[in-house]
Every structure is written in structure tokens, then in C-alpha cells.
């Protein structure tokens, strides 16, 4: 009954901000890496950011550094992605995911993740 549920997507103007959330349930996530990925129509799913559940270590894709911030509230089993200074090219479905056995390198690849949410659409208008 592992479940990841994203919320917070929507329409935002270029330069605007939004906070995405991912509520996790069904198992203990203390040893996991939690990641955000995104996929635009006609493009491959790409890595955005990850955070280690216990220690809170983070890593970001180059094109979102300085604009996006990943965080988590361990007590609430919830992960967040604050997306700032949005650009039209940020338009995509954003997915959260959990990796049970990731290293800090494999956590940058979607293929390493065990559980996925349904995604939330972020549309940035220009």
C-alpha cells in the first residue's frame, strides 16, 4: 500500500513561484532517497532534485539550481519542491519518487526508483 501523492501544480506566469508537495505513506522511508522528476510532452523524463530522507542531503539538476528548493518534513512524511523564477521550459508533469537502495549517484536516474506518484502538472505561461 505504498502511495505517493503529488499536489500543488497549476498555471503560473513566467517568473512566478509555486510549491509542490508529495505525501508518502505505506512504509518507512527513513532509509530512502526521495526525488523529483519531470516530463514534458515529447521529451524523456528528467531528474530535477533529490533529498535523502534522514540526513536531508540534496542534489539538483544544473538547470534548476538557484531556482528550485527541495525539502522534507519527516514528521509529516511529506516532501516539497519550491519552484521559483519559473520559465516556460519548466512546463511539465512533475513526479515524486522514492528509492529504497539508491546511492547518491544512482538517485539521479529515474531507473533506480521503486515508487512513483501520479504526477502534478505545472504549466508556465509566457
C-alpha atoms as a PDB file:
ATOM      1  CA  UNK A   1       0.000   0.000   0.000  1.00  0.00           C
ATOM      2  CA  UNK A   2       2.875   2.339  -0.696  1.00  0.00           C
ATOM      3  CA  UNK A   3       1.489   5.556  -2.049  1.00  0.00           C
ATOM      4  CA  UNK A   4       3.000   8.826  -3.201  1.00  0.00           C
ATOM      5  CA  UNK A   5       0.623  11.674  -3.971  1.00  0.00           C
ATOM      6  CA  UNK A   6       1.711  14.952  -5.535  1.00  0.00           C
ATOM      7  CA  UNK A   7      -0.150  18.232  -5.204  1.00  0.00           C
ATOM      8  CA  UNK A   8       0.454  21.871  -5.929  1.00  0.00           C
ATOM      9  CA  UNK A   9       0.686  22.017  -9.682  1.00  0.00           C
ATOM     10  CA  UNK A  10      -1.151  24.547 -11.766  1.00  0.00           C
ATOM     11  CA  UNK A  11      -0.828  27.503 -14.078  1.00  0.00           C
ATOM     12  CA  UNK A  12       1.728  30.163 -13.220  1.00  0.00           C
ATOM     13  CA  UNK A  13       3.200  33.118 -15.067  1.00  0.00           C
ATOM     14  CA  UNK A  14       6.827  33.157 -16.096  1.00  0.00           C
ATOM     15  CA  UNK A  15       8.879  34.409 -13.183  1.00  0.00           C
ATOM     16  CA  UNK A  16       6.353  33.137 -10.682  1.00  0.00           C
ATOM     17  CA  UNK A  17       6.608  30.521  -7.974  1.00  0.00           C
ATOM     18  CA  UNK A  18       4.772  27.505  -6.677  1.00  0.00           C
ATOM     19  CA  UNK A  19       5.222  24.859  -4.009  1.00  0.00           C
ATOM     20  CA  UNK A  20       4.706  21.241  -4.940  1.00  0.00           C
ATOM     21  CA  UNK A  21       4.166  18.590  -2.298  1.00  0.00           C
ATOM     22  CA  UNK A  22       4.468  14.819  -2.167  1.00  0.00           C
ATOM     23  CA  UNK A  23       2.709  12.917   0.593  1.00  0.00           C
ATOM     24  CA  UNK A  24       4.201   9.484   1.236  1.00  0.00           C
ATOM     25  CA  UNK A  25       2.582   6.586   3.060  1.00  0.00           C
ATOM     26  CA  UNK A  26       2.579   2.809   3.360  1.00  0.00           C
ATOM     27  CA  UNK A  27       6.092   2.096   4.567  1.00  0.00           C
ATOM     28  CA  UNK A  28       9.060   3.517   6.421  1.00  0.00           C
ATOM     29  CA  UNK A  29      11.012   5.938   4.283  1.00  0.00           C
ATOM     30  CA  UNK A  30      13.844   6.656   6.699  1.00  0.00           C
ATOM     31  CA  UNK A  31      16.484   4.996   4.538  1.00  0.00           C
ATOM     32  CA  UNK A  32      15.184   6.281   1.221  1.00  0.00           C
ATOM     33  CA  UNK A  33      16.183   8.881  -1.260  1.00  0.00           C
ATOM     34  CA  UNK A  34      13.208  10.936  -2.374  1.00  0.00           C
ATOM     35  CA  UNK A  35      13.352  12.582  -5.758  1.00  0.00           C
ATOM     36  CA  UNK A  36      11.512  14.899  -8.086  1.00  0.00           C
ATOM     37  CA  UNK A  37      11.430  14.264 -11.822  1.00  0.00           C
ATOM     38  CA  UNK A  38       9.588  15.989 -14.633  1.00  0.00           C
ATOM     39  CA  UNK A  39       8.432  15.104 -18.104  1.00  0.00           C
ATOM     40  CA  UNK A  40       7.285  17.407 -20.869  1.00  0.00           C
ATOM     41  CA  UNK A  41       5.360  16.167 -23.925  1.00  0.00           C
ATOM     42  CA  UNK A  42       7.687  14.552 -26.422  1.00  0.00           C
ATOM     43  CA  UNK A  43      10.623  14.554 -24.022  1.00  0.00           C
ATOM     44  CA  UNK A  44      12.185  11.995 -21.734  1.00  0.00           C
ATOM     45  CA  UNK A  45      11.566  12.104 -18.036  1.00  0.00           C
ATOM     46  CA  UNK A  46      14.395  14.047 -16.449  1.00  0.00           C
ATOM     47  CA  UNK A  47      15.861  14.379 -13.000  1.00  0.00           C
ATOM     48  CA  UNK A  48      15.111  17.561 -11.084  1.00  0.00           C
ATOM     49  CA  UNK A  49      16.276  17.106  -7.492  1.00  0.00           C
ATOM     50  CA  UNK A  50      16.590  14.623  -4.666  1.00  0.00           C
ATOM     51  CA  UNK A  51      16.813  14.668  -0.902  1.00  0.00           C
ATOM     52  CA  UNK A  52      17.936  11.945   1.487  1.00  0.00           C
ATOM     53  CA  UNK A  53      15.137  11.312   3.931  1.00  0.00           C
ATOM     54  CA  UNK A  54      17.212  11.002   7.069  1.00  0.00           C
ATOM     55  CA  UNK A  55      20.031  13.485   6.649  1.00  0.00           C
ATOM     56  CA  UNK A  56      18.439  15.921   4.223  1.00  0.00           C
ATOM     57  CA  UNK A  57      21.299  15.952   1.754  1.00  0.00           C
ATOM     58  CA  UNK A  58      20.256  17.407  -1.590  1.00  0.00           C
ATOM     59  CA  UNK A  59      21.266  17.442  -5.215  1.00  0.00           C
ATOM     60  CA  UNK A  60      19.857  19.473  -8.093  1.00  0.00           C
ATOM     61  CA  UNK A  61      19.920  19.314 -11.844  1.00  0.00           C
ATOM     62  CA  UNK A  62      22.027  22.115 -13.284  1.00  0.00           C
ATOM     63  CA  UNK A  63      19.145  23.908 -14.964  1.00  0.00           C
ATOM     64  CA  UNK A  64      17.174  24.308 -11.729  1.00  0.00           C
ATOM     65  CA  UNK A  65      19.968  25.223  -9.329  1.00  0.00           C
ATOM     66  CA  UNK A  66      19.265  28.514  -7.620  1.00  0.00           C
ATOM     67  CA  UNK A  67      15.595  28.415  -8.615  1.00  0.00           C
ATOM     68  CA  UNK A  68      14.197  25.220  -7.090  1.00  0.00           C
ATOM     69  CA  UNK A  69      14.473  24.041  -3.494  1.00  0.00           C
ATOM     70  CA  UNK A  70      13.707  20.530  -2.288  1.00  0.00           C
ATOM     71  CA  UNK A  71      12.821  19.873   1.337  1.00  0.00           C
ATOM     72  CA  UNK A  72      11.035  17.385   3.536  1.00  0.00           C
ATOM     73  CA  UNK A  73       9.075  17.225   6.763  1.00  0.00           C
ATOM     74  CA  UNK A  74       9.912  13.836   8.228  1.00  0.00           C
ATOM     75  CA  UNK A  75       7.172  14.002  10.844  1.00  0.00           C
ATOM     76  CA  UNK A  76       4.549  14.551   8.148  1.00  0.00           C
ATOM     77  CA  UNK A  77       6.052  12.120   5.617  1.00  0.00           C
ATOM     78  CA  UNK A  78       5.876  14.924   3.112  1.00  0.00           C
ATOM     79  CA  UNK A  79       8.364  16.206   0.583  1.00  0.00           C
ATOM     80  CA  UNK A  80       8.250  19.593  -1.115  1.00  0.00           C
ATOM     81  CA  UNK A  81       9.633  21.243  -4.184  1.00  0.00           C
ATOM     82  CA  UNK A  82       9.606  25.026  -4.128  1.00  0.00           C
ATOM     83  CA  UNK A  83       9.844  26.213  -7.709  1.00  0.00           C
ATOM     84  CA  UNK A  84      10.818  29.863  -8.195  1.00  0.00           C
ATOM     85  CA  UNK A  85      11.544  32.110 -11.158  1.00  0.00           C
ATOM     86  CA  UNK A  86       9.689  29.723 -13.400  1.00  0.00           C
ATOM     87  CA  UNK A  87      10.347  29.620 -17.118  1.00  0.00           C
ATOM     88  CA  UNK A  88       8.144  28.286 -19.916  1.00  0.00           C
ATOM     89  CA  UNK A  89      10.600  25.426 -20.367  1.00  0.00           C
ATOM     90  CA  UNK A  90       9.768  24.302 -16.828  1.00  0.00           C
ATOM     91  CA  UNK A  91       6.326  23.284 -18.063  1.00  0.00           C
ATOM     92  CA  UNK A  92       5.970  19.561 -17.397  1.00  0.00           C
ATOM     93  CA  UNK A  93       4.315  16.918 -15.300  1.00  0.00           C
ATOM     94  CA  UNK A  94       6.258  16.761 -12.058  1.00  0.00           C
ATOM     95  CA  UNK A  95       6.587  13.383 -10.346  1.00  0.00           C
ATOM     96  CA  UNK A  96       7.829  12.454  -6.921  1.00  0.00           C
ATOM     97  CA  UNK A  97       9.520   9.125  -6.386  1.00  0.00           C
ATOM     98  CA  UNK A  98      11.157   7.029  -3.677  1.00  0.00           C
ATOM     99  CA  UNK A  99      14.296   4.949  -3.996  1.00  0.00           C
ATOM    100  CA  UNK A 100      14.984   2.305  -1.359  1.00  0.00           C
ATOM    101  CA  UNK A 101      18.543   1.399  -2.317  1.00  0.00           C
ATOM    102  CA  UNK A 102      19.946   4.413  -4.114  1.00  0.00           C
ATOM    103  CA  UNK A 103      23.418   5.762  -3.873  1.00  0.00           C
ATOM    104  CA  UNK A 104      23.899   9.489  -4.241  1.00  0.00           C
ATOM    105  CA  UNK A 105      24.789   8.836  -7.871  1.00  0.00           C
ATOM    106  CA  UNK A 106      22.057   6.395  -8.904  1.00  0.00           C
ATOM    107  CA  UNK A 107      19.472   8.658  -7.273  1.00  0.00           C
ATOM    108  CA  UNK A 108      19.854  10.964 -10.275  1.00  0.00           C
ATOM    109  CA  UNK A 109      18.419   8.283 -12.579  1.00  0.00           C
ATOM    110  CA  UNK A 110      14.719   7.512 -12.795  1.00  0.00           C
ATOM    111  CA  UNK A 111      15.520   3.837 -13.337  1.00  0.00           C
ATOM    112  CA  UNK A 112      16.714   3.463  -9.766  1.00  0.00           C
ATOM    113  CA  UNK A 113      13.410   4.466  -8.163  1.00  0.00           C
ATOM    114  CA  UNK A 114      10.935   1.984  -6.726  1.00  0.00           C
ATOM    115  CA  UNK A 115       7.777   4.019  -6.193  1.00  0.00           C
ATOM    116  CA  UNK A 116       6.172   6.852  -8.128  1.00  0.00           C
ATOM    117  CA  UNK A 117       3.358   9.284  -7.688  1.00  0.00           C
ATOM    118  CA  UNK A 118       0.795  10.099 -10.342  1.00  0.00           C
ATOM    119  CA  UNK A 119       2.306  13.466 -11.171  1.00  0.00           C
ATOM    120  CA  UNK A 120       1.136  17.046 -10.984  1.00  0.00           C
ATOM    121  CA  UNK A 121       1.041  19.387 -13.960  1.00  0.00           C
ATOM    122  CA  UNK A 122       2.957  22.654 -13.848  1.00  0.00           C
ATOM    123  CA  UNK A 123       2.249  25.000 -16.728  1.00  0.00           C
ATOM    124  CA  UNK A 124       4.262  28.198 -17.082  1.00  0.00           C
ATOM    125  CA  UNK A 125       2.810  30.849 -19.345  1.00  0.00           C
ATOM    126  CA  UNK A 126       4.895  33.380 -21.244  1.00  0.00           C
END
